[in-house]
Amino acid sequence: MGTGVLINNGVTLNCQGNSNAVFIFQIAQDLTVGNGAIVTLSGGCNAKNIFWQVGGQATLGTTSDFKGNILSQTLIEMQTGATLNGRALAQTAVTLDANPITISN
């Protein structure tokens, strides 16, 4: 049995100058991103190369700024004003509330 992940304030992913670097996060339960939390990409990272595989529900808190592709086994909930640079793919539902989504190429 695994655990969930909570990003309270934010996290920085550093690709150290490699724009082709790939991050794959495998989360056994829920992913919760706090209100106003920011996922920052540095060192040449591309959001299209960041993957968040979530076994439960993914919740992006109010006005959070998230990067990467979320693949959820259940629900992805984007609360009011949360932004996503990536994709939101879920087996059951993706709920939005005034959320801009940018797809990186």
PDB file of N, CA and C in Angstrom:
ATOM      1  N   MET A   1       0.847  -1.170   0.000  1.00  0.00           N
ATOM      2  CA  MET A   1       0.000   0.000   0.000  1.00  0.00           C
ATOM      3  C   MET A   1       0.892   1.231   0.000  1.00  0.00           C
ATOM      4  N   GLY A   2       0.588   2.180  -0.857  1.00  0.00           N
ATOM      5  CA  GLY A   2       1.363   3.408  -0.949  1.00  0.00           C
ATOM      6  C   GLY A   2       0.673   4.550  -0.235  1.00  0.00           C
ATOM      7  N   THR A   3       1.206   5.713  -0.436  1.00  0.00           N
ATOM      8  CA  THR A   3       0.653   6.899   0.202  1.00  0.00           C
ATOM      9  C   THR A   3       0.314   7.950  -0.844  1.00  0.00           C
ATOM     10  N   GLY A   4      -0.345   8.989  -0.394  1.00  0.00           N
ATOM     11  CA  GLY A   4      -0.646  10.122  -1.247  1.00  0.00           C
ATOM     12  C   GLY A   4       0.452  11.165  -1.143  1.00  0.00           C
ATOM     13  N   VAL A   5       0.321  12.222  -1.959  1.00  0.00           N
ATOM     14  CA  VAL A   5       1.301  13.310  -1.971  1.00  0.00           C
ATOM     15  C   VAL A   5       0.563  14.626  -1.767  1.00  0.00           C
ATOM     16  N   LEU A   6       1.116  15.468  -0.882  1.00  0.00           N
ATOM     17  CA  LEU A   6       0.586  16.795  -0.634  1.00  0.00           C
ATOM     18  C   LEU A   6       1.663  17.812  -0.979  1.00  0.00           C
ATOM     19  N   ILE A   7       1.343  18.720  -1.896  1.00  0.00           N
ATOM     20  CA  ILE A   7       2.238  19.834  -2.223  1.00  0.00           C
ATOM     21  C   ILE A   7       1.596  21.072  -1.617  1.00  0.00           C
ATOM     22  N   ASN A   8       2.107  21.474  -0.452  1.00  0.00           N
ATOM     23  CA  ASN A   8       1.502  22.584   0.293  1.00  0.00           C
ATOM     24  C   ASN A   8       1.766  23.936  -0.339  1.00  0.00           C
ATOM     25  N   ASN A   9       3.041  24.285  -0.489  1.00  0.00           N
ATOM     26  CA  ASN A   9       3.422  25.614  -0.983  1.00  0.00           C
ATOM     27  C   ASN A   9       3.934  25.570  -2.407  1.00  0.00           C
ATOM     28  N   GLY A  10       4.650  24.529  -2.743  1.00  0.00           N
ATOM     29  CA  GLY A  10       5.201  24.401  -4.077  1.00  0.00           C
ATOM     30  C   GLY A  10       6.390  23.479  -4.107  1.00  0.00           C
ATOM     31  N   VAL A  11       6.853  23.232  -5.312  1.00  0.00           N
ATOM     32  CA  VAL A  11       8.005  22.369  -5.536  1.00  0.00           C
ATOM     33  C   VAL A  11       8.689  22.839  -6.818  1.00  0.00           C
ATOM     34  N   THR A  12      10.015  22.716  -6.873  1.00  0.00           N
ATOM     35  CA  THR A  12      10.768  23.074  -8.073  1.00  0.00           C
ATOM     36  C   THR A  12      11.379  21.820  -8.668  1.00  0.00           C
ATOM     37  N   LEU A  13      11.172  21.632  -9.971  1.00  0.00           N
ATOM     38  CA  LEU A  13      11.785  20.535 -10.713  1.00  0.00           C
ATOM     39  C   LEU A  13      12.892  21.135 -11.569  1.00  0.00           C
ATOM     40  N   ASN A  14      14.121  20.636 -11.403  1.00  0.00           N
ATOM     41  CA  ASN A  14      15.287  21.194 -12.097  1.00  0.00           C
ATOM     42  C   ASN A  14      15.830  20.163 -13.080  1.00  0.00           C
ATOM     43  N   CYS A  15      15.829  20.498 -14.356  1.00  0.00           N
ATOM     44  CA  CYS A  15      16.314  19.591 -15.398  1.00  0.00           C
ATOM     45  C   CYS A  15      17.801  19.767 -15.691  1.00  0.00           C
ATOM     46  N   GLN A  16      18.460  20.658 -14.984  1.00  0.00           N
ATOM     47  CA  GLN A  16      19.907  20.868 -15.081  1.00  0.00           C
ATOM     48  C   GLN A  16      20.388  21.040 -16.521  1.00  0.00           C
ATOM     49  N   GLY A  17      19.644  21.844 -17.293  1.00  0.00           N
ATOM     50  CA  GLY A  17      20.042  22.167 -18.655  1.00  0.00           C
ATOM     51  C   GLY A  17      19.628  21.162 -19.718  1.00  0.00           C
ATOM     52  N   ASN A  18      18.960  20.087 -19.334  1.00  0.00           N
ATOM     53  CA  ASN A  18      18.534  19.057 -20.286  1.00  0.00           C
ATOM     54  C   ASN A  18      17.049  19.238 -20.593  1.00  0.00           C
ATOM     55  N   SER A  19      16.738  19.852 -21.715  1.00  0.00           N
ATOM     56  CA  SER A  19      15.337  20.108 -22.074  1.00  0.00           C
ATOM     57  C   SER A  19      14.577  18.833 -22.424  1.00  0.00           C
ATOM     58  N   ASN A  20      15.283  17.710 -22.568  1.00  0.00           N
ATOM     59  CA  ASN A  20      14.634  16.428 -22.840  1.00  0.00           C
ATOM     60  C   ASN A  20      14.449  15.585 -21.584  1.00  0.00           C
ATOM     61  N   ALA A  21      14.830  16.118 -20.425  1.00  0.00           N
ATOM     62  CA  ALA A  21      14.686  15.373 -19.170  1.00  0.00           C
ATOM     63  C   ALA A  21      13.213  15.053 -18.924  1.00  0.00           C
ATOM     64  N   VAL A  22      12.968  13.878 -18.356  1.00  0.00           N
ATOM     65  CA  VAL A  22      11.605  13.418 -18.081  1.00  0.00           C
ATOM     66  C   VAL A  22      11.482  13.113 -16.592  1.00  0.00           C
ATOM     67  N   PHE A  23      10.388  13.584 -16.000  1.00  0.00           N
ATOM     68  CA  PHE A  23      10.047  13.242 -14.623  1.00  0.00           C
ATOM     69  C   PHE A  23       8.772  12.409 -14.662  1.00  0.00           C
ATOM     70  N   ILE A  24       8.755  11.273 -13.951  1.00  0.00           N
ATOM     71  CA  ILE A  24       7.557  10.444 -13.822  1.00  0.00           C
ATOM     72  C   ILE A  24       7.329  10.214 -12.336  1.00  0.00           C
ATOM     73  N   PHE A  25       6.226  10.757 -11.828  1.00  0.00           N
ATOM     74  CA  PHE A  25       5.864  10.574 -10.429  1.00  0.00           C
ATOM     75  C   PHE A  25       4.723   9.566 -10.366  1.00  0.00           C
ATOM     76  N   GLN A  26       4.920   8.490  -9.632  1.00  0.00           N
ATOM     77  CA  GLN A  26       3.886   7.470  -9.469  1.00  0.00           C
ATOM     78  C   GLN A  26       3.362   7.571  -8.040  1.00  0.00           C
ATOM     79  N   ILE A  27       2.115   7.996  -7.908  1.00  0.00           N
ATOM     80  CA  ILE A  27       1.511   8.254  -6.611  1.00  0.00           C
ATOM     81  C   ILE A  27       0.402   7.222  -6.407  1.00  0.00           C
ATOM     82  N   ALA A  28       0.533   6.423  -5.350  1.00  0.00           N
ATOM     83  CA  ALA A  28      -0.389   5.311  -5.133  1.00  0.00           C
ATOM     84  C   ALA A  28      -1.797   5.759  -4.754  1.00  0.00           C
ATOM     85  N   GLN A  29      -1.911   6.888  -4.060  1.00  0.00           N
ATOM     86  CA  GLN A  29      -3.224   7.361  -3.633  1.00  0.00           C
ATOM     87  C   GLN A  29      -3.497   8.736  -4.229  1.00  0.00           C
ATOM     88  N   ASP A  30      -3.895   9.707  -3.418  1.00  0.00           N
ATOM     89  CA  ASP A  30      -4.302  11.023  -3.922  1.00  0.00           C
ATOM     90  C   ASP A  30      -3.129  11.986  -4.069  1.00  0.00           C
ATOM     91  N   LEU A  31      -3.272  12.909  -5.019  1.00  0.00           N
ATOM     92  CA  LEU A  31      -2.374  14.052  -5.172  1.00  0.00           C
ATOM     93  C   LEU A  31      -3.171  15.292  -4.810  1.00  0.00           C
ATOM     94  N   THR A  32      -2.688  16.031  -3.817  1.00  0.00           N
ATOM     95  CA  THR A  32      -3.354  17.263  -3.400  1.00  0.00           C
ATOM     96  C   THR A  32      -2.368  18.417  -3.507  1.00  0.00           C
ATOM     97  N   VAL A  33      -2.749  19.427  -4.278  1.00  0.00           N
ATOM     98  CA  VAL A  33      -1.932  20.625  -4.446  1.00  0.00           C
ATOM     99  C   VAL A  33      -2.649  21.750  -3.705  1.00  0.00           C
ATOM    100  N   GLY A  34      -1.969  22.353  -2.741  1.00  0.00           N
ATOM    101  CA  GLY A  34      -2.575  23.361  -1.886  1.00  0.00           C
ATOM    102  C   GLY A  34      -2.964  24.631  -2.626  1.00  0.00           C
ATOM    103  N   ASN A  35      -3.815  25.416  -1.990  1.00  0.00           N
ATOM    104  CA  ASN A  35      -4.238  26.704  -2.552  1.00  0.00           C
ATOM    105  C   ASN A  35      -3.009  27.590  -2.762  1.00  0.00           C
ATOM    106  N   GLY A  36      -2.850  28.107  -3.969  1.00  0.00           N
ATOM    107  CA  GLY A  36      -1.746  29.009  -4.283  1.00  0.00           C
ATOM    108  C   GLY A  36      -0.397  28.331  -4.474  1.00  0.00           C
ATOM    109  N   ALA A  37      -0.323  27.020  -4.353  1.00  0.00           N
ATOM    110  CA  ALA A  37       0.948  26.301  -4.529  1.00  0.00           C
ATOM    111  C   ALA A  37       1.396  26.375  -5.988  1.00  0.00           C
ATOM    112  N   ILE A  38       2.711  26.377  -6.191  1.00  0.00           N
ATOM    113  CA  ILE A  38       3.276  26.509  -7.533  1.00  0.00           C
ATOM    114  C   ILE A  38       4.261  25.379  -7.799  1.00  0.00           C
ATOM    115  N   VAL A  39       4.087  24.707  -8.935  1.00  0.00           N
ATOM    116  CA  VAL A  39       5.099  23.771  -9.427  1.00  0.00           C
ATOM    117  C   VAL A  39       5.955  24.573 -10.395  1.00  0.00           C
ATOM    118  N   THR A  40       7.223  24.782 -10.036  1.00  0.00           N
ATOM    119  CA  THR A  40       8.139  25.590 -10.833  1.00  0.00           C
ATOM    120  C   THR A  40       9.069  24.687 -11.615  1.00  0.00           C
ATOM    121  N   LEU A  41       9.261  25.009 -12.894  1.00  0.00           N
ATOM    122  CA  LEU A  41      10.204  24.273 -13.732  1.00  0.00           C
ATOM    123  C   LEU A  41      11.430  25.138 -13.956  1.00  0.00           C
ATOM    124  N   SER A  42      12.614  24.566 -13.765  1.00  0.00           N
ATOM    125  CA  SER A  42      13.852  25.317 -13.984  1.00  0.00           C
ATOM    126  C   SER A  42      14.844  24.451 -14.753  1.00  0.00           C
ATOM    127  N   GLY A  43      15.922  25.076 -15.198  1.00  0.00           N
ATOM    128  CA  GLY A  43      16.971  24.349 -15.893  1.00  0.00           C
ATOM    129  C   GLY A  43      16.553  23.748 -17.220  1.00  0.00           C
ATOM    130  N   GLY A  44      15.600  24.392 -17.897  1.00  0.00           N
ATOM    131  CA  GLY A  44      15.194  23.935 -19.226  1.00  0.00           C
ATOM    132  C   GLY A  44      14.090  22.896 -19.255  1.00  0.00           C
ATOM    133  N   CYS A  45      13.437  22.637 -18.143  1.00  0.00           N
ATOM    134  CA  CYS A  45      12.351  21.645 -18.104  1.00  0.00           C
ATOM    135  C   CYS A  45      11.198  22.044 -19.020  1.00  0.00           C
ATOM    136  N   ASN A  46      10.546  21.046 -19.587  1.00  0.00           N
ATOM    137  CA  ASN A  46       9.348  21.229 -20.395  1.00  0.00           C
ATOM    138  C   ASN A  46       8.193  20.506 -19.729  1.00  0.00           C
ATOM    139  N   ALA A  47       7.066  21.193 -19.575  1.00  0.00           N
ATOM    140  CA  ALA A  47       5.901  20.600 -18.922  1.00  0.00           C
ATOM    141  C   ALA A  47       5.449  19.323 -19.626  1.00  0.00           C
ATOM    142  N   LYS A  48       5.648  19.246 -20.929  1.00  0.00           N
ATOM    143  CA  LYS A  48       5.212  18.063 -21.672  1.00  0.00           C
ATOM    144  C   LYS A  48       5.973  16.802 -21.260  1.00  0.00           C
ATOM    145  N   ASN A  49       7.102  16.966 -20.578  1.00  0.00           N
ATOM    146  CA  ASN A  49       7.915  15.825 -20.152  1.00  0.00           C
ATOM    147  C   ASN A  49       7.749  15.485 -18.674  1.00  0.00           C
ATOM    148  N   ILE A  50       6.740  16.072 -18.034  1.00  0.00           N
ATOM    149  CA  ILE A  50       6.469  15.816 -16.619  1.00  0.00           C
ATOM    150  C   ILE A  50       5.170  15.015 -16.539  1.00  0.00           C
ATOM    151  N   PHE A  51       5.208  13.860 -15.857  1.00  0.00           N
ATOM    152  CA  PHE A  51       4.042  12.980 -15.757  1.00  0.00           C
ATOM    153  C   PHE A  51       3.735  12.682 -14.294  1.00  0.00           C
ATOM    154  N   TRP A  52       2.477  12.849 -13.930  1.00  0.00           N
ATOM    155  CA  TRP A  52       1.990  12.577 -12.581  1.00  0.00           C
ATOM    156  C   TRP A  52       0.954  11.464 -12.702  1.00  0.00           C
ATOM    157  N   GLN A  53       1.340  10.239 -12.377  1.00  0.00           N
ATOM    158  CA  GLN A  53       0.439   9.097 -12.427  1.00  0.00           C
ATOM    159  C   GLN A  53      -0.167   8.931 -11.034  1.00  0.00           C
ATOM    160  N   VAL A  54      -1.486   9.134 -10.937  1.00  0.00           N
ATOM    161  CA  VAL A  54      -2.148   9.190  -9.635  1.00  0.00           C
ATOM    162  C   VAL A  54      -3.140   8.030  -9.512  1.00  0.00           C
ATOM    163  N   GLY A  55      -2.962   7.226  -8.463  1.00  0.00           N
ATOM    164  CA  GLY A  55      -3.839   6.078  -8.235  1.00  0.00           C
ATOM    165  C   GLY A  55      -5.209   6.460  -7.712  1.00  0.00           C
ATOM    166  N   GLY A  56      -5.325   7.635  -7.125  1.00  0.00           N
ATOM    167  CA  GLY A  56      -6.601   8.113  -6.595  1.00  0.00           C
ATOM    168  C   GLY A  56      -7.027   9.378  -7.311  1.00  0.00           C
ATOM    169  N   GLN A  57      -7.433  10.362  -6.522  1.00  0.00           N
ATOM    170  CA  GLN A  57      -7.923  11.638  -7.042  1.00  0.00           C
ATOM    171  C   GLN A  57      -6.811  12.678  -7.028  1.00  0.00           C
ATOM    172  N   ALA A  58      -6.813  13.574  -8.024  1.00  0.00           N
ATOM    173  CA  ALA A  58      -5.902  14.715  -8.050  1.00  0.00           C
ATOM    174  C   ALA A  58      -6.721  15.979  -7.844  1.00  0.00           C
ATOM    175  N   THR A  59      -6.326  16.795  -6.864  1.00  0.00           N
ATOM    176  CA  THR A  59      -7.019  18.041  -6.581  1.00  0.00           C
ATOM    177  C   THR A  59      -6.024  19.187  -6.661  1.00  0.00           C
ATOM    178  N   LEU A  60      -6.279  20.133  -7.560  1.00  0.00           N
ATOM    179  CA  LEU A  60      -5.457  21.333  -7.682  1.00  0.00           C
ATOM    180  C   LEU A  60      -6.201  22.453  -6.972  1.00  0.00           C
ATOM    181  N   GLY A  61      -5.633  22.936  -5.880  1.00  0.00           N
ATOM    182  CA  GLY A  61      -6.282  23.947  -5.043  1.00  0.00           C
ATOM    183  C   GLY A  61      -6.463  25.281  -5.743  1.00  0.00           C
ATOM    184  N   THR A  62      -7.269  26.110  -5.146  1.00  0.00           N
ATOM    185  CA  THR A  62      -7.592  27.445  -5.659  1.00  0.00           C
ATOM    186  C   THR A  62      -6.325  28.222  -5.990  1.00  0.00           C
ATOM    187  N   THR A  63      -6.270  28.771  -7.170  1.00  0.00           N
ATOM    188  CA  THR A  63      -5.181  29.595  -7.718  1.00  0.00           C
ATOM    189  C   THR A  63      -3.822  28.898  -7.742  1.00  0.00           C
ATOM    190  N   SER A  64      -3.793  27.572  -7.631  1.00  0.00           N
ATOM    191  CA  SER A  64      -2.511  26.864  -7.764  1.00  0.00           C
ATOM    192  C   SER A  64      -2.052  26.939  -9.218  1.00  0.00           C
ATOM    193  N   ASP A  65      -0.752  26.764  -9.418  1.00  0.00           N
ATOM    194  CA  ASP A  65      -0.130  26.838 -10.750  1.00  0.00           C
ATOM    195  C   ASP A  65       0.649  25.549 -10.951  1.00  0.00           C
ATOM    196  N   PHE A  66       0.088  24.633 -11.745  1.00  0.00           N
ATOM    197  CA  PHE A  66       0.611  23.269 -11.854  1.00  0.00           C
ATOM    198  C   PHE A  66       1.170  23.013 -13.250  1.00  0.00           C
ATOM    199  N   LYS A  67       2.256  22.246 -13.320  1.00  0.00           N
ATOM    200  CA  LYS A  67       2.864  21.890 -14.596  1.00  0.00           C
ATOM    201  C   LYS A  67       2.975  20.374 -14.711  1.00  0.00           C
ATOM    202  N   GLY A  68       2.670  19.880 -15.908  1.00  0.00           N
ATOM    203  CA  GLY A  68       2.817  18.459 -16.199  1.00  0.00           C
ATOM    204  C   GLY A  68       1.509  17.816 -16.594  1.00  0.00           C
ATOM    205  N   ASN A  69       1.604  16.555 -16.965  1.00  0.00           N
ATOM    206  CA  ASN A  69       0.465  15.775 -17.423  1.00  0.00           C
ATOM    207  C   ASN A  69      -0.030  14.909 -16.278  1.00  0.00           C
ATOM    208  N   ILE A  70      -1.293  15.090 -15.895  1.00  0.00           N
ATOM    209  CA  ILE A  70      -1.875  14.317 -14.805  1.00  0.00           C
ATOM    210  C   ILE A  70      -2.668  13.167 -15.407  1.00  0.00           C
ATOM    211  N   LEU A  71      -2.339  11.952 -14.980  1.00  0.00           N
ATOM    212  CA  LEU A  71      -3.062  10.758 -15.398  1.00  0.00           C
ATOM    213  C   LEU A  71      -3.654  10.152 -14.131  1.00  0.00           C
ATOM    214  N   SER A  72      -4.961  10.347 -13.926  1.00  0.00           N
ATOM    215  CA  SER A  72      -5.610   9.935 -12.680  1.00  0.00           C
ATOM    216  C   SER A  72      -6.509   8.734 -12.905  1.00  0.00           C
ATOM    217  N   GLN A  73      -6.450   7.802 -11.954  1.00  0.00           N
ATOM    218  CA  GLN A  73      -7.307   6.627 -12.033  1.00  0.00           C
ATOM    219  C   GLN A  73      -8.760   6.992 -11.750  1.00  0.00           C
ATOM    220  N   THR A  74      -8.977   8.086 -11.033  1.00  0.00           N
ATOM    221  CA  THR A  74     -10.356   8.473 -10.733  1.00  0.00           C
ATOM    222  C   THR A  74     -10.636   9.881 -11.247  1.00  0.00           C
ATOM    223  N   LEU A  75     -10.616  10.878 -10.365  1.00  0.00           N
ATOM    224  CA  LEU A  75     -11.077  12.229 -10.665  1.00  0.00           C
ATOM    225  C   LEU A  75      -9.933  13.230 -10.628  1.00  0.00           C
ATOM    226  N   ILE A  76      -9.992  14.230 -11.507  1.00  0.00           N
ATOM    227  CA  ILE A  76      -9.113  15.399 -11.410  1.00  0.00           C
ATOM    228  C   ILE A  76     -10.022  16.596 -11.177  1.00  0.00           C
ATOM    229  N   GLU A  77      -9.803  17.273 -10.055  1.00  0.00           N
ATOM    230  CA  GLU A  77     -10.598  18.446  -9.713  1.00  0.00           C
ATOM    231  C   GLU A  77      -9.698  19.670  -9.705  1.00  0.00           C
ATOM    232  N   MET A  78     -10.024  20.625 -10.571  1.00  0.00           N
ATOM    233  CA  MET A  78      -9.305  21.902 -10.590  1.00  0.00           C
ATOM    234  C   MET A  78     -10.214  22.943  -9.959  1.00  0.00           C
ATOM    235  N   GLN A  79      -9.821  23.419  -8.788  1.00  0.00           N
ATOM    236  CA  GLN A  79     -10.643  24.393  -8.078  1.00  0.00           C
ATOM    237  C   GLN A  79     -10.483  25.775  -8.707  1.00  0.00           C
ATOM    238  N   THR A  80     -11.300  26.713  -8.282  1.00  0.00           N
ATOM    239  CA  THR A  80     -11.395  28.041  -8.887  1.00  0.00           C
ATOM    240  C   THR A  80     -10.031  28.689  -9.107  1.00  0.00           C
ATOM    241  N   GLY A  81      -9.754  29.053 -10.361  1.00  0.00           N
ATOM    242  CA  GLY A  81      -8.550  29.789 -10.700  1.00  0.00           C
ATOM    243  C   GLY A  81      -7.275  28.976 -10.786  1.00  0.00           C
ATOM    244  N   ALA A  82      -7.326  27.671 -10.537  1.00  0.00           N
ATOM    245  CA  ALA A  82      -6.128  26.835 -10.689  1.00  0.00           C
ATOM    246  C   ALA A  82      -5.742  26.792 -12.162  1.00  0.00           C
ATOM    247  N   THR A  83      -4.432  26.846 -12.445  1.00  0.00           N
ATOM    248  CA  THR A  83      -3.964  26.790 -13.832  1.00  0.00           C
ATOM    249  C   THR A  83      -3.146  25.522 -14.043  1.00  0.00           C
ATOM    250  N   LEU A  84      -3.180  25.024 -15.271  1.00  0.00           N
ATOM    251  CA  LEU A  84      -2.446  23.811 -15.627  1.00  0.00           C
ATOM    252  C   LEU A  84      -1.725  24.035 -16.942  1.00  0.00           C
ATOM    253  N   ASN A  85      -0.428  23.771 -16.953  1.00  0.00           N
ATOM    254  CA  ASN A  85       0.351  23.728 -18.185  1.00  0.00           C
ATOM    255  C   ASN A  85       0.645  22.256 -18.400  1.00  0.00           C
ATOM    256  N   GLY A  86      -0.180  21.604 -19.192  1.00  0.00           N
ATOM    257  CA  GLY A  86      -0.077  20.161 -19.424  1.00  0.00           C
ATOM    258  C   GLY A  86      -1.434  19.610 -19.810  1.00  0.00           C
ATOM    259  N   ARG A  87      -1.679  18.371 -19.423  1.00  0.00           N
ATOM    260  CA  ARG A  87      -2.932  17.704 -19.759  1.00  0.00           C
ATOM    261  C   ARG A  87      -3.552  17.110 -18.505  1.00  0.00           C
ATOM    262  N   ALA A  88      -4.881  17.006 -18.495  1.00  0.00           N
ATOM    263  CA  ALA A  88      -5.615  16.399 -17.385  1.00  0.00           C
ATOM    264  C   ALA A  88      -6.408  15.223 -17.946  1.00  0.00           C
ATOM    265  N   LEU A  89      -5.964  14.014 -17.646  1.00  0.00           N
ATOM    266  CA  LEU A  89      -6.592  12.803 -18.173  1.00  0.00           C
ATOM    267  C   LEU A  89      -7.024  11.932 -17.006  1.00  0.00           C
ATOM    268  N   ALA A  90      -8.331  11.624 -16.934  1.00  0.00           N
ATOM    269  CA  ALA A  90      -8.862  10.832 -15.829  1.00  0.00           C
ATOM    270  C   ALA A  90      -9.821   9.777 -16.365  1.00  0.00           C
ATOM    271  N   GLN A  91      -9.937   8.660 -15.622  1.00  0.00           N
ATOM    272  CA  GLN A  91     -10.835   7.593 -16.044  1.00  0.00           C
ATOM    273  C   GLN A  91     -12.300   7.927 -15.798  1.00  0.00           C
ATOM    274  N   THR A  92     -12.586   8.781 -14.795  1.00  0.00           N
ATOM    275  CA  THR A  92     -13.991   9.082 -14.511  1.00  0.00           C
ATOM    276  C   THR A  92     -14.386  10.505 -14.897  1.00  0.00           C
ATOM    277  N   ALA A  93     -13.680  11.521 -14.391  1.00  0.00           N
ATOM    278  CA  ALA A  93     -14.101  12.898 -14.673  1.00  0.00           C
ATOM    279  C   ALA A  93     -12.967  13.882 -14.429  1.00  0.00           C
ATOM    280  N   VAL A  94     -13.039  14.992 -15.160  1.00  0.00           N
ATOM    281  CA  VAL A  94     -12.196  16.164 -14.906  1.00  0.00           C
ATOM    282  C   VAL A  94     -13.155  17.315 -14.673  1.00  0.00           C
ATOM    283  N   THR A  95     -13.086  17.923 -13.483  1.00  0.00           N
ATOM    284  CA  THR A  95     -13.988  19.036 -13.180  1.00  0.00           C
ATOM    285  C   THR A  95     -13.185  20.335 -13.176  1.00  0.00           C
ATOM    286  N   LEU A  96     -13.751  21.355 -13.827  1.00  0.00           N
ATOM    287  CA  LEU A  96     -13.087  22.644 -13.981  1.00  0.00           C
ATOM    288  C   LEU A  96     -13.974  23.745 -13.407  1.00  0.00           C
ATOM    289  N   ASP A  97     -13.337  24.812 -12.917  1.00  0.00           N
ATOM    290  CA  ASP A  97     -14.061  25.979 -12.420  1.00  0.00           C
ATOM    291  C   ASP A  97     -13.228  27.215 -12.755  1.00  0.00           C
ATOM    292  N   ALA A  98     -13.459  27.781 -13.953  1.00  0.00           N
ATOM    293  CA  ALA A  98     -12.738  28.955 -14.425  1.00  0.00           C
ATOM    294  C   ALA A  98     -11.237  28.691 -14.457  1.00  0.00           C
ATOM    295  N   ASN A  99     -10.846  27.610 -15.146  1.00  0.00           N
ATOM    296  CA  ASN A  99      -9.439  27.179 -15.164  1.00  0.00           C
ATOM    297  C   ASN A  99      -8.830  27.258 -16.551  1.00  0.00           C
ATOM    298  N   PRO A 100      -7.731  28.022 -16.690  1.00  0.00           N
ATOM    299  CA  PRO A 100      -7.000  27.996 -17.958  1.00  0.00           C
ATOM    300  C   PRO A 100      -6.073  26.774 -18.020  1.00  0.00           C
ATOM    301  N   ILE A 101      -6.080  26.114 -19.172  1.00  0.00           N
ATOM    302  CA  ILE A 101      -5.197  24.973 -19.400  1.00  0.00           C
ATOM    303  C   ILE A 101      -4.413  25.242 -20.670  1.00  0.00           C
ATOM    304  N   THR A 102      -3.079  25.127 -20.573  1.00  0.00           N
ATOM    305  CA  THR A 102      -2.190  25.296 -21.710  1.00  0.00           C
ATOM    306  C   THR A 102      -1.561  23.953 -22.007  1.00  0.00           C
ATOM    307  N   ILE A 103      -1.564  23.562 -23.272  1.00  0.00           N
ATOM    308  CA  ILE A 103      -0.951  22.294 -23.653  1.00  0.00           C
ATOM    309  C   ILE A 103       0.414  22.588 -24.265  1.00  0.00           C
ATOM    310  N   SER A 104       1.446  22.036 -23.647  1.00  0.00           N
ATOM    311  CA  SER A 104       2.817  22.227 -24.151  1.00  0.00           C
ATOM    312  C   SER A 104       3.087  21.308 -25.319  1.00  0.00           C
ATOM    313  N   ASN A 105       3.793  21.827 -26.311  1.00  0.00           N
ATOM    314  CA  ASN A 105       4.171  20.992 -27.464  1.00  0.00           C
ATOM    315  C   ASN A 105       5.616  20.599 -27.373  1.00  0.00           C
TER     316      ASN A 105
END
